[in-house]
């Protein structure tokens, strides 16, 4: 249920595709240790790509933010869902095609950079591209909705339901996508995670023959890696906690698991499972009578690994998540 690697992951894989929020930074601050861990992976020869479903910011702006946090990055290291959407439209419509752009500067620039011609909601066009944009007007949304309903092909940068704003968690582009779908009856082609195009675009731009997805979300980062048929590392510096982890269906389970990006710099050993008991590095876990029990001592990373596998074993056997009452989660 978890994979093993005798080599450090930064040596076993030649490209890390890194989600940003919850992996490299949280809010405006770098995750503790992340700049050093990434520098170590790069020094070992691993390429780093920073991939994001946020279609509003140009790649240079994202790279600038990373540099402010002490992470080495250029615009060429950043791949956005806007760029993945532009590639889909270029492949389908050809260079110079006029595309209605309903979104922010990042989407407009991505379309132009790929040789497409972004236009307004009322202009002649052969397709529609949509992305998150805080200043998009309702009048534009209405016009685009009608054009999608009337048959104009539609590519959505992503379907994220929420967006981390300075004032709290806010509605993301997925809310707009859902509204357009309800009105038009049309399902868009989606470029961002968990769909495959963003992963393919990342490999095309950054290179690498053996990529590893690194994320903190099961339903975008890890499911996206499964869809793209690449291995994945889940880090626990973001939104995934114990309850979400042990409840993960097979399509949401990572290849590797680590508390933070230091997991890129180490080898990984999978827990052993025997007679319902899961063991690794001094820890032993069981999920009996609907309750998770963990005993022993060892590293925090190995604790999470045995608990994950014990929970998944129980989930697959009975179809219900294990009871976590009384489980003491170690500090990450």
C-alpha atoms as a PDB file:
ATOM      1  CA  UNK A   1       0.000   0.000   0.000  1.00  0.00           C
ATOM      2  CA  UNK A   2       3.072   2.213   0.335  1.00  0.00           C
ATOM      3  CA  UNK A   3       6.122   1.880  -1.858  1.00  0.00           C
ATOM      4  CA  UNK A   4       9.763   1.328  -0.998  1.00  0.00           C
ATOM      5  CA  UNK A   5      12.838   3.033  -2.394  1.00  0.00           C
ATOM      6  CA  UNK A   6      16.336   1.929  -1.434  1.00  0.00           C
ATOM      7  CA  UNK A   7      17.665   5.219  -2.758  1.00  0.00           C
ATOM      8  CA  UNK A   8      16.754   8.656  -1.520  1.00  0.00           C
ATOM      9  CA  UNK A   9      13.805   9.871  -3.590  1.00  0.00           C
ATOM     10  CA  UNK A  10      15.897  12.744  -4.964  1.00  0.00           C
ATOM     11  CA  UNK A  11      18.169  10.130  -6.530  1.00  0.00           C
ATOM     12  CA  UNK A  12      15.506   7.615  -7.537  1.00  0.00           C
ATOM     13  CA  UNK A  13      13.461  10.247  -9.430  1.00  0.00           C
ATOM     14  CA  UNK A  14      14.790  12.923 -11.771  1.00  0.00           C
ATOM     15  CA  UNK A  15      11.918  15.432 -11.438  1.00  0.00           C
ATOM     16  CA  UNK A  16       9.864  16.569  -8.454  1.00  0.00           C
ATOM     17  CA  UNK A  17       6.568  18.203  -9.394  1.00  0.00           C
ATOM     18  CA  UNK A  18       5.826  20.242  -6.283  1.00  0.00           C
ATOM     19  CA  UNK A  19       2.493  21.636  -5.246  1.00  0.00           C
ATOM     20  CA  UNK A  20       2.943  25.015  -3.552  1.00  0.00           C
ATOM     21  CA  UNK A  21       0.481  25.918  -0.781  1.00  0.00           C
ATOM     22  CA  UNK A  22       0.815  23.385   2.030  1.00  0.00           C
ATOM     23  CA  UNK A  23       4.029  21.932   0.591  1.00  0.00           C
ATOM     24  CA  UNK A  24       6.519  24.754  -0.034  1.00  0.00           C
ATOM     25  CA  UNK A  25       4.700  27.525   1.820  1.00  0.00           C
ATOM     26  CA  UNK A  26       1.652  28.084   4.000  1.00  0.00           C
ATOM     27  CA  UNK A  27       0.076  31.490   3.606  1.00  0.00           C
ATOM     28  CA  UNK A  28       2.909  33.971   3.214  1.00  0.00           C
ATOM     29  CA  UNK A  29       5.617  31.922   4.932  1.00  0.00           C
ATOM     30  CA  UNK A  30       7.833  29.056   3.822  1.00  0.00           C
ATOM     31  CA  UNK A  31       7.170  25.690   5.439  1.00  0.00           C
ATOM     32  CA  UNK A  32       9.938  25.286   8.040  1.00  0.00           C
ATOM     33  CA  UNK A  33      12.942  23.629   6.410  1.00  0.00           C
ATOM     34  CA  UNK A  34      11.444  23.622   2.915  1.00  0.00           C
ATOM     35  CA  UNK A  35      14.048  25.892   1.237  1.00  0.00           C
ATOM     36  CA  UNK A  36      16.919  23.789   2.601  1.00  0.00           C
ATOM     37  CA  UNK A  37      15.254  20.481   1.712  1.00  0.00           C
ATOM     38  CA  UNK A  38      14.619  21.663  -1.848  1.00  0.00           C
ATOM     39  CA  UNK A  39      18.177  22.937  -2.184  1.00  0.00           C
ATOM     40  CA  UNK A  40      19.411  19.531  -1.065  1.00  0.00           C
ATOM     41  CA  UNK A  41      17.258  17.736  -3.623  1.00  0.00           C
ATOM     42  CA  UNK A  42      18.462  20.050  -6.385  1.00  0.00           C
ATOM     43  CA  UNK A  43      22.104  19.530  -5.331  1.00  0.00           C
ATOM     44  CA  UNK A  44      21.532  15.769  -5.687  1.00  0.00           C
ATOM     45  CA  UNK A  45      20.602  16.315  -9.338  1.00  0.00           C
ATOM     46  CA  UNK A  46      16.814  16.382  -9.057  1.00  0.00           C
ATOM     47  CA  UNK A  47      14.929  18.860 -11.227  1.00  0.00           C
ATOM     48  CA  UNK A  48      12.280  20.875  -9.426  1.00  0.00           C
ATOM     49  CA  UNK A  49       9.031  22.088 -10.971  1.00  0.00           C
ATOM     50  CA  UNK A  50       6.534  24.150  -8.996  1.00  0.00           C
ATOM     51  CA  UNK A  51       3.045  23.408 -10.269  1.00  0.00           C
ATOM     52  CA  UNK A  52      -0.134  25.214  -9.323  1.00  0.00           C
ATOM     53  CA  UNK A  53      -3.812  25.194 -10.182  1.00  0.00           C
ATOM     54  CA  UNK A  54      -3.881  28.956  -9.634  1.00  0.00           C
ATOM     55  CA  UNK A  55      -4.407  30.402 -13.112  1.00  0.00           C
ATOM     56  CA  UNK A  56      -4.446  34.045 -12.056  1.00  0.00           C
ATOM     57  CA  UNK A  57      -0.731  34.683 -11.440  1.00  0.00           C
ATOM     58  CA  UNK A  58       1.919  34.635 -14.204  1.00  0.00           C
ATOM     59  CA  UNK A  59       4.764  32.179 -13.657  1.00  0.00           C
ATOM     60  CA  UNK A  60       7.341  34.939 -13.042  1.00  0.00           C
ATOM     61  CA  UNK A  61       5.208  36.325 -10.224  1.00  0.00           C
ATOM     62  CA  UNK A  62       5.042  32.883  -8.607  1.00  0.00           C
ATOM     63  CA  UNK A  63       8.802  32.427  -9.017  1.00  0.00           C
ATOM     64  CA  UNK A  64       9.420  35.834  -7.453  1.00  0.00           C
ATOM     65  CA  UNK A  65       7.393  34.862  -4.397  1.00  0.00           C
ATOM     66  CA  UNK A  66       9.397  31.647  -4.064  1.00  0.00           C
ATOM     67  CA  UNK A  67      12.687  33.551  -4.234  1.00  0.00           C
ATOM     68  CA  UNK A  68      11.463  35.880  -1.482  1.00  0.00           C
ATOM     69  CA  UNK A  69      10.988  32.780   0.675  1.00  0.00           C
ATOM     70  CA  UNK A  70      14.527  31.559  -0.007  1.00  0.00           C
ATOM     71  CA  UNK A  71      13.629  28.979  -2.660  1.00  0.00           C
ATOM     72  CA  UNK A  72      15.651  29.079  -5.875  1.00  0.00           C
ATOM     73  CA  UNK A  73      13.193  29.391  -8.761  1.00  0.00           C
ATOM     74  CA  UNK A  74      12.828  30.959 -12.200  1.00  0.00           C
ATOM     75  CA  UNK A  75       9.744  31.435 -14.333  1.00  0.00           C
ATOM     76  CA  UNK A  76      10.763  28.341 -16.300  1.00  0.00           C
ATOM     77  CA  UNK A  77      10.481  26.259 -13.108  1.00  0.00           C
ATOM     78  CA  UNK A  78       6.830  27.228 -12.581  1.00  0.00           C
ATOM     79  CA  UNK A  79       3.984  25.562 -14.482  1.00  0.00           C
ATOM     80  CA  UNK A  80       0.412  26.760 -14.000  1.00  0.00           C
ATOM     81  CA  UNK A  81      -2.980  25.397 -14.945  1.00  0.00           C
ATOM     82  CA  UNK A  82      -3.312  28.428 -17.234  1.00  0.00           C
ATOM     83  CA  UNK A  83      -0.310  27.204 -19.222  1.00  0.00           C
ATOM     84  CA  UNK A  84      -1.753  23.687 -19.356  1.00  0.00           C
ATOM     85  CA  UNK A  85      -5.071  25.112 -20.593  1.00  0.00           C
ATOM     86  CA  UNK A  86      -3.268  27.125 -23.277  1.00  0.00           C
ATOM     87  CA  UNK A  87      -1.496  23.981 -24.491  1.00  0.00           C
ATOM     88  CA  UNK A  88      -4.790  22.094 -24.756  1.00  0.00           C
ATOM     89  CA  UNK A  89      -6.285  24.917 -26.809  1.00  0.00           C
ATOM     90  CA  UNK A  90      -3.201  25.229 -29.017  1.00  0.00           C
ATOM     91  CA  UNK A  91      -3.304  21.507 -29.801  1.00  0.00           C
ATOM     92  CA  UNK A  92      -7.024  21.636 -30.601  1.00  0.00           C
ATOM     93  CA  UNK A  93      -7.375  25.020 -32.317  1.00  0.00           C
ATOM     94  CA  UNK A  94      -3.939  25.796 -33.756  1.00  0.00           C
ATOM     95  CA  UNK A  95      -1.629  28.784 -33.540  1.00  0.00           C
ATOM     96  CA  UNK A  96      -3.307  32.158 -33.850  1.00  0.00           C
ATOM     97  CA  UNK A  97      -6.751  30.882 -32.813  1.00  0.00           C
ATOM     98  CA  UNK A  98      -8.967  33.463 -31.143  1.00  0.00           C
ATOM     99  CA  UNK A  99      -9.978  32.342 -27.650  1.00  0.00           C
ATOM    100  CA  UNK A 100     -12.363  34.070 -25.258  1.00  0.00           C
ATOM    101  CA  UNK A 101     -10.415  34.609 -22.028  1.00  0.00           C
ATOM    102  CA  UNK A 102     -12.521  34.711 -18.866  1.00  0.00           C
ATOM    103  CA  UNK A 103      -9.964  35.071 -16.117  1.00  0.00           C
ATOM    104  CA  UNK A 104      -7.024  37.085 -14.846  1.00  0.00           C
ATOM    105  CA  UNK A 105      -3.663  38.210 -16.203  1.00  0.00           C
ATOM    106  CA  UNK A 106      -2.046  34.803 -15.740  1.00  0.00           C
ATOM    107  CA  UNK A 107      -4.505  33.136 -18.131  1.00  0.00           C
ATOM    108  CA  UNK A 108      -4.299  35.938 -20.694  1.00  0.00           C
ATOM    109  CA  UNK A 109      -0.481  35.812 -20.725  1.00  0.00           C
ATOM    110  CA  UNK A 110      -0.421  32.022 -20.989  1.00  0.00           C
ATOM    111  CA  UNK A 111      -2.656  32.102 -24.063  1.00  0.00           C
ATOM    112  CA  UNK A 112      -0.508  34.766 -25.718  1.00  0.00           C
ATOM    113  CA  UNK A 113       2.723  32.938 -24.897  1.00  0.00           C
ATOM    114  CA  UNK A 114       1.496  29.840 -26.755  1.00  0.00           C
ATOM    115  CA  UNK A 115       0.625  31.833 -29.866  1.00  0.00           C
ATOM    116  CA  UNK A 116      -3.102  32.105 -29.257  1.00  0.00           C
ATOM    117  CA  UNK A 117      -5.113  35.321 -29.458  1.00  0.00           C
ATOM    118  CA  UNK A 118      -7.094  36.011 -26.255  1.00  0.00           C
ATOM    119  CA  UNK A 119     -10.210  38.108 -26.829  1.00  0.00           C
ATOM    120  CA  UNK A 120     -13.152  39.490 -24.897  1.00  0.00           C
ATOM    121  CA  UNK A 121     -16.490  37.877 -24.117  1.00  0.00           C
ATOM    122  CA  UNK A 122     -18.276  39.368 -27.157  1.00  0.00           C
ATOM    123  CA  UNK A 123     -15.513  38.939 -29.765  1.00  0.00           C
ATOM    124  CA  UNK A 124     -15.340  36.346 -32.520  1.00  0.00           C
ATOM    125  CA  UNK A 125     -13.647  33.202 -31.190  1.00  0.00           C
ATOM    126  CA  UNK A 126     -13.342  29.458 -31.696  1.00  0.00           C
ATOM    127  CA  UNK A 127     -13.116  28.460 -28.006  1.00  0.00           C
ATOM    128  CA  UNK A 128     -13.391  29.649 -24.392  1.00  0.00           C
ATOM    129  CA  UNK A 129     -10.764  29.495 -21.644  1.00  0.00           C
ATOM    130  CA  UNK A 130     -11.781  30.151 -18.034  1.00  0.00           C
ATOM    131  CA  UNK A 131      -9.755  30.585 -14.866  1.00  0.00           C
ATOM    132  CA  UNK A 132      -9.859  32.168 -11.435  1.00  0.00           C
ATOM    133  CA  UNK A 133     -10.020  35.950 -11.610  1.00  0.00           C
ATOM    134  CA  UNK A 134     -11.165  38.108  -8.675  1.00  0.00           C
ATOM    135  CA  UNK A 135     -12.075  41.001 -10.961  1.00  0.00           C
ATOM    136  CA  UNK A 136     -14.101  39.063 -13.549  1.00  0.00           C
ATOM    137  CA  UNK A 137     -17.447  40.803 -14.036  1.00  0.00           C
ATOM    138  CA  UNK A 138     -20.832  39.127 -13.870  1.00  0.00           C
ATOM    139  CA  UNK A 139     -21.723  40.664 -17.230  1.00  0.00           C
ATOM    140  CA  UNK A 140     -18.789  38.788 -18.807  1.00  0.00           C
ATOM    141  CA  UNK A 141     -19.730  35.534 -17.078  1.00  0.00           C
ATOM    142  CA  UNK A 142     -23.268  35.795 -18.469  1.00  0.00           C
ATOM    143  CA  UNK A 143     -22.052  36.345 -22.026  1.00  0.00           C
ATOM    144  CA  UNK A 144     -19.576  33.463 -21.827  1.00  0.00           C
ATOM    145  CA  UNK A 145     -22.207  31.160 -20.327  1.00  0.00           C
ATOM    146  CA  UNK A 146     -24.471  31.758 -23.317  1.00  0.00           C
ATOM    147  CA  UNK A 147     -21.640  31.154 -25.776  1.00  0.00           C
ATOM    148  CA  UNK A 148     -20.717  27.881 -24.088  1.00  0.00           C
ATOM    149  CA  UNK A 149     -24.353  26.794 -24.122  1.00  0.00           C
ATOM    150  CA  UNK A 150     -24.525  27.647 -27.829  1.00  0.00           C
ATOM    151  CA  UNK A 151     -21.594  25.375 -28.653  1.00  0.00           C
ATOM    152  CA  UNK A 152     -18.267  27.172 -28.184  1.00  0.00           C
ATOM    153  CA  UNK A 153     -15.694  24.588 -26.904  1.00  0.00           C
ATOM    154  CA  UNK A 154     -14.669  25.241 -23.301  1.00  0.00           C
ATOM    155  CA  UNK A 155     -11.418  24.581 -21.426  1.00  0.00           C
ATOM    156  CA  UNK A 156     -11.364  25.296 -17.677  1.00  0.00           C
ATOM    157  CA  UNK A 157      -8.033  25.833 -15.962  1.00  0.00           C
ATOM    158  CA  UNK A 158      -9.163  23.946 -12.843  1.00  0.00           C
ATOM    159  CA  UNK A 159     -12.167  23.009 -10.739  1.00  0.00           C
ATOM    160  CA  UNK A 160     -10.871  23.949  -7.267  1.00  0.00           C
ATOM    161  CA  UNK A 161     -13.883  24.667  -5.074  1.00  0.00           C
ATOM    162  CA  UNK A 162     -11.971  26.936  -2.686  1.00  0.00           C
ATOM    163  CA  UNK A 163      -9.209  29.505  -2.852  1.00  0.00           C
ATOM    164  CA  UNK A 164      -6.951  30.629   0.054  1.00  0.00           C
ATOM    165  CA  UNK A 165      -7.503  34.393   0.252  1.00  0.00           C
ATOM    166  CA  UNK A 166      -6.048  36.849   2.763  1.00  0.00           C
ATOM    167  CA  UNK A 167      -9.462  37.154   4.434  1.00  0.00           C
ATOM    168  CA  UNK A 168     -10.072  33.391   4.644  1.00  0.00           C
ATOM    169  CA  UNK A 169     -11.016  30.442   2.471  1.00  0.00           C
ATOM    170  CA  UNK A 170     -13.023  31.839  -0.443  1.00  0.00           C
ATOM    171  CA  UNK A 171     -14.935  30.348  -3.409  1.00  0.00           C
ATOM    172  CA  UNK A 172     -12.539  29.139  -6.083  1.00  0.00           C
ATOM    173  CA  UNK A 173     -12.841  28.767  -9.836  1.00  0.00           C
ATOM    174  CA  UNK A 174     -14.648  25.456  -9.375  1.00  0.00           C
ATOM    175  CA  UNK A 175     -17.687  27.344  -8.101  1.00  0.00           C
ATOM    176  CA  UNK A 176     -17.810  29.321 -11.335  1.00  0.00           C
ATOM    177  CA  UNK A 177     -17.264  26.162 -13.384  1.00  0.00           C
ATOM    178  CA  UNK A 178     -20.172  24.496 -11.598  1.00  0.00           C
ATOM    179  CA  UNK A 179     -22.423  27.469 -12.315  1.00  0.00           C
ATOM    180  CA  UNK A 180     -21.474  27.541 -16.013  1.00  0.00           C
ATOM    181  CA  UNK A 181     -22.043  23.792 -16.251  1.00  0.00           C
ATOM    182  CA  UNK A 182     -25.457  24.020 -14.576  1.00  0.00           C
ATOM    183  CA  UNK A 183     -26.536  26.754 -16.979  1.00  0.00           C
ATOM    184  CA  UNK A 184     -25.094  25.330 -20.203  1.00  0.00           C
ATOM    185  CA  UNK A 185     -25.232  21.581 -19.592  1.00  0.00           C
ATOM    186  CA  UNK A 186     -21.655  21.421 -20.890  1.00  0.00           C
ATOM    187  CA  UNK A 187     -18.751  19.720 -19.121  1.00  0.00           C
ATOM    188  CA  UNK A 188     -15.457  21.541 -19.719  1.00  0.00           C
ATOM    189  CA  UNK A 189     -12.148  19.954 -20.533  1.00  0.00           C
ATOM    190  CA  UNK A 190     -10.114  20.566 -17.371  1.00  0.00           C
ATOM    191  CA  UNK A 191      -6.400  21.357 -17.492  1.00  0.00           C
ATOM    192  CA  UNK A 192      -5.431  21.431 -13.808  1.00  0.00           C
ATOM    193  CA  UNK A 193      -5.092  18.832 -11.078  1.00  0.00           C
ATOM    194  CA  UNK A 194      -6.410  16.214 -10.618  1.00  0.00           C
ATOM    195  CA  UNK A 195      -6.626  15.898 -14.409  1.00  0.00           C
ATOM    196  CA  UNK A 196      -3.602  14.895 -16.452  1.00  0.00           C
ATOM    197  CA  UNK A 197      -2.808  17.904 -18.708  1.00  0.00           C
ATOM    198  CA  UNK A 198      -0.940  19.916 -16.041  1.00  0.00           C
ATOM    199  CA  UNK A 199       1.348  16.956 -15.338  1.00  0.00           C
ATOM    200  CA  UNK A 200       2.054  16.386 -19.024  1.00  0.00           C
ATOM    201  CA  UNK A 201       2.731  20.095 -19.559  1.00  0.00           C
ATOM    202  CA  UNK A 202       5.153  20.106 -16.622  1.00  0.00           C
ATOM    203  CA  UNK A 203       7.215  17.257 -18.053  1.00  0.00           C
ATOM    204  CA  UNK A 204       7.171  18.897 -21.484  1.00  0.00           C
ATOM    205  CA  UNK A 205       8.452  22.207 -20.116  1.00  0.00           C
ATOM    206  CA  UNK A 206      10.866  21.112 -17.397  1.00  0.00           C
ATOM    207  CA  UNK A 207      11.983  17.688 -18.621  1.00  0.00           C
ATOM    208  CA  UNK A 208      12.509  14.462 -16.733  1.00  0.00           C
ATOM    209  CA  UNK A 209      11.818  10.828 -17.508  1.00  0.00           C
ATOM    210  CA  UNK A 210      10.918   9.593 -14.028  1.00  0.00           C
ATOM    211  CA  UNK A 211       8.812  12.236 -12.273  1.00  0.00           C
ATOM    212  CA  UNK A 212       7.487  12.266  -8.710  1.00  0.00           C
ATOM    213  CA  UNK A 213       4.470  14.320  -7.662  1.00  0.00           C
ATOM    214  CA  UNK A 214       4.793  15.954  -4.228  1.00  0.00           C
ATOM    215  CA  UNK A 215       1.639  17.300  -2.611  1.00  0.00           C
ATOM    216  CA  UNK A 216      -0.407  17.739   0.531  1.00  0.00           C
ATOM    217  CA  UNK A 217      -3.915  17.135  -0.875  1.00  0.00           C
ATOM    218  CA  UNK A 218      -5.263  13.667  -1.528  1.00  0.00           C
ATOM    219  CA  UNK A 219      -8.048  14.739  -3.908  1.00  0.00           C
ATOM    220  CA  UNK A 220      -5.944  16.913  -6.223  1.00  0.00           C
ATOM    221  CA  UNK A 221      -2.239  16.149  -5.847  1.00  0.00           C
ATOM    222  CA  UNK A 222      -2.349  12.419  -5.141  1.00  0.00           C
ATOM    223  CA  UNK A 223      -5.379  11.581  -7.290  1.00  0.00           C
ATOM    224  CA  UNK A 224      -3.788  13.664 -10.025  1.00  0.00           C
ATOM    225  CA  UNK A 225      -0.617  11.599  -9.815  1.00  0.00           C
ATOM    226  CA  UNK A 226      -2.698   8.439 -10.151  1.00  0.00           C
ATOM    227  CA  UNK A 227      -4.442   9.894 -13.220  1.00  0.00           C
ATOM    228  CA  UNK A 228      -1.077  10.855 -14.714  1.00  0.00           C
ATOM    229  CA  UNK A 229       0.404   7.430 -13.878  1.00  0.00           C
ATOM    230  CA  UNK A 230       3.290   8.825 -11.820  1.00  0.00           C
ATOM    231  CA  UNK A 231       4.439   8.040  -8.288  1.00  0.00           C
ATOM    232  CA  UNK A 232       3.682  10.465  -5.486  1.00  0.00           C
ATOM    233  CA  UNK A 233       4.911  11.685  -2.108  1.00  0.00           C
ATOM    234  CA  UNK A 234       2.353  12.989   0.388  1.00  0.00           C
ATOM    235  CA  UNK A 235       3.690  15.508   2.904  1.00  0.00           C
ATOM    236  CA  UNK A 236       1.798  16.371   6.073  1.00  0.00           C
ATOM    237  CA  UNK A 237       2.494  20.113   6.218  1.00  0.00           C
ATOM    238  CA  UNK A 238      -0.821  21.037   4.589  1.00  0.00           C
ATOM    239  CA  UNK A 239      -4.431  19.979   4.755  1.00  0.00           C
ATOM    240  CA  UNK A 240      -4.229  16.201   5.185  1.00  0.00           C
ATOM    241  CA  UNK A 241      -4.575  14.954   8.738  1.00  0.00           C
ATOM    242  CA  UNK A 242      -4.969  11.533  10.302  1.00  0.00           C
ATOM    243  CA  UNK A 243      -8.720  11.216   9.670  1.00  0.00           C
ATOM    244  CA  UNK A 244      -8.368  12.083   5.975  1.00  0.00           C
ATOM    245  CA  UNK A 245      -5.380   9.784   5.561  1.00  0.00           C
ATOM    246  CA  UNK A 246      -6.893   6.589   6.989  1.00  0.00           C
ATOM    247  CA  UNK A 247     -10.134   7.244   5.040  1.00  0.00           C
ATOM    248  CA  UNK A 248      -8.383   7.464   1.661  1.00  0.00           C
ATOM    249  CA  UNK A 249      -9.714   5.205  -1.087  1.00  0.00           C
ATOM    250  CA  UNK A 250      -7.114   3.449  -3.266  1.00  0.00           C
ATOM    251  CA  UNK A 251      -7.114   6.214  -5.915  1.00  0.00           C
ATOM    252  CA  UNK A 252      -6.192   8.735  -3.229  1.00  0.00           C
ATOM    253  CA  UNK A 253      -3.262   6.856  -1.707  1.00  0.00           C
ATOM    254  CA  UNK A 254       0.316   8.068  -2.205  1.00  0.00           C
ATOM    255  CA  UNK A 255       3.311   5.945  -3.122  1.00  0.00           C
ATOM    256  CA  UNK A 256       5.330   7.471  -0.280  1.00  0.00           C
ATOM    257  CA  UNK A 257       4.533   9.378   2.898  1.00  0.00           C
ATOM    258  CA  UNK A 258       6.642  11.832   4.913  1.00  0.00           C
ATOM    259  CA  UNK A 259       6.050  14.553   7.509  1.00  0.00           C
ATOM    260  CA  UNK A 260       7.664  17.194   5.269  1.00  0.00           C
ATOM    261  CA  UNK A 261       9.948  17.753   2.282  1.00  0.00           C
ATOM    262  CA  UNK A 262      12.845  16.120   4.115  1.00  0.00           C
ATOM    263  CA  UNK A 263      11.227  12.962   2.739  1.00  0.00           C
ATOM    264  CA  UNK A 264      12.812  13.787  -0.632  1.00  0.00           C
ATOM    265  CA  UNK A 265      16.270  13.323   0.859  1.00  0.00           C
ATOM    266  CA  UNK A 266      15.789   9.852   2.352  1.00  0.00           C
ATOM    267  CA  UNK A 267      15.177   6.277   1.322  1.00  0.00           C
ATOM    268  CA  UNK A 268      11.725   4.880   2.081  1.00  0.00           C
ATOM    269  CA  UNK A 269      10.838   1.483   3.510  1.00  0.00           C
ATOM    270  CA  UNK A 270       7.265   0.223   3.327  1.00  0.00           C
ATOM    271  CA  UNK A 271       5.668  -1.278   6.451  1.00  0.00           C
ATOM    272  CA  UNK A 272       5.238  -5.026   6.666  1.00  0.00           C
ATOM    273  CA  UNK A 273       1.769  -6.519   7.135  1.00  0.00           C
ATOM    274  CA  UNK A 274       1.338  -9.879   8.844  1.00  0.00           C
ATOM    275  CA  UNK A 275      -1.832 -11.287  10.396  1.00  0.00           C
ATOM    276  CA  UNK A 276      -3.405  -7.849  10.524  1.00  0.00           C
ATOM    277  CA  UNK A 277      -0.418  -6.260  12.274  1.00  0.00           C
ATOM    278  CA  UNK A 278       1.511  -3.485  10.508  1.00  0.00           C
ATOM    279  CA  UNK A 279       5.123  -2.918  11.573  1.00  0.00           C
ATOM    280  CA  UNK A 280       7.972  -0.561  10.694  1.00  0.00           C
ATOM    281  CA  UNK A 281      10.932   0.906  12.551  1.00  0.00           C
ATOM    282  CA  UNK A 282       9.852   0.064  16.084  1.00  0.00           C
ATOM    283  CA  UNK A 283       6.158   0.857  15.584  1.00  0.00           C
ATOM    284  CA  UNK A 284       3.363  -1.682  15.363  1.00  0.00           C
ATOM    285  CA  UNK A 285      -0.275  -0.849  14.535  1.00  0.00           C
ATOM    286  CA  UNK A 286      -3.502  -2.827  14.362  1.00  0.00           C
ATOM    287  CA  UNK A 287      -7.066  -1.859  13.468  1.00  0.00           C
ATOM    288  CA  UNK A 288      -9.110  -4.352  15.481  1.00  0.00           C
ATOM    289  CA  UNK A 289     -12.755  -4.083  16.487  1.00  0.00           C
ATOM    290  CA  UNK A 290     -13.073  -0.778  14.646  1.00  0.00           C
ATOM    291  CA  UNK A 291     -10.355   0.874  16.772  1.00  0.00           C
ATOM    292  CA  UNK A 292      -6.803   1.804  15.814  1.00  0.00           C
ATOM    293  CA  UNK A 293      -4.075   0.762  18.259  1.00  0.00           C
ATOM    294  CA  UNK A 294      -0.450   1.888  17.933  1.00  0.00           C
ATOM    295  CA  UNK A 295       2.435   0.716  20.122  1.00  0.00           C
ATOM    296  CA  UNK A 296       6.202   1.066  20.179  1.00  0.00           C
ATOM    297  CA  UNK A 297       8.583   3.896  19.455  1.00  0.00           C
ATOM    298  CA  UNK A 298      10.550   5.238  16.533  1.00  0.00           C
ATOM    299  CA  UNK A 299      10.531   8.059  14.033  1.00  0.00           C
ATOM    300  CA  UNK A 300       7.500  10.251  13.392  1.00  0.00           C
ATOM    301  CA  UNK A 301       7.651   9.338   9.695  1.00  0.00           C
ATOM    302  CA  UNK A 302       7.416   5.619  10.435  1.00  0.00           C
ATOM    303  CA  UNK A 303       4.510   6.225  12.854  1.00  0.00           C
ATOM    304  CA  UNK A 304       2.495   7.827  10.065  1.00  0.00           C
ATOM    305  CA  UNK A 305       3.372   5.051   7.636  1.00  0.00           C
ATOM    306  CA  UNK A 306       2.241   2.188   9.886  1.00  0.00           C
ATOM    307  CA  UNK A 307      -0.923   4.037  10.835  1.00  0.00           C
ATOM    308  CA  UNK A 308      -1.771   4.752   7.199  1.00  0.00           C
ATOM    309  CA  UNK A 309      -1.354   1.149   6.118  1.00  0.00           C
ATOM    310  CA  UNK A 310      -3.261  -0.172   9.150  1.00  0.00           C
ATOM    311  CA  UNK A 311      -6.122   2.193   8.381  1.00  0.00           C
ATOM    312  CA  UNK A 312      -6.209   1.294   4.679  1.00  0.00           C
ATOM    313  CA  UNK A 313      -6.120  -2.420   5.471  1.00  0.00           C
ATOM    314  CA  UNK A 314      -9.162  -2.029   7.700  1.00  0.00           C
ATOM    315  CA  UNK A 315     -10.952   0.228   5.205  1.00  0.00           C
ATOM    316  CA  UNK A 316     -10.477  -2.263   2.374  1.00  0.00           C
ATOM    317  CA  UNK A 317     -11.658  -5.142   4.538  1.00  0.00           C
ATOM    318  CA  UNK A 318     -14.860  -3.680   5.995  1.00  0.00           C
ATOM    319  CA  UNK A 319     -15.565  -0.559   3.908  1.00  0.00           C
ATOM    320  CA  UNK A 320     -15.561   1.819   6.889  1.00  0.00           C
ATOM    321  CA  UNK A 321     -12.773   4.009   8.333  1.00  0.00           C
ATOM    322  CA  UNK A 322     -11.231   2.864  11.588  1.00  0.00           C
ATOM    323  CA  UNK A 323     -12.159   4.566  14.859  1.00  0.00           C
ATOM    324  CA  UNK A 324      -9.354   6.950  15.860  1.00  0.00           C
ATOM    325  CA  UNK A 325     -10.529   7.495  19.455  1.00  0.00           C
ATOM    326  CA  UNK A 326      -7.620   7.540  21.859  1.00  0.00           C
ATOM    327  CA  UNK A 327      -4.914   7.778  19.189  1.00  0.00           C
ATOM    328  CA  UNK A 328      -2.195  10.284  20.137  1.00  0.00           C
ATOM    329  CA  UNK A 329      -0.826  11.921  17.007  1.00  0.00           C
ATOM    330  CA  UNK A 330       2.875  12.823  17.341  1.00  0.00           C
ATOM    331  CA  UNK A 331       4.010  16.351  16.561  1.00  0.00           C
ATOM    332  CA  UNK A 332       4.874  16.663  12.870  1.00  0.00           C
END
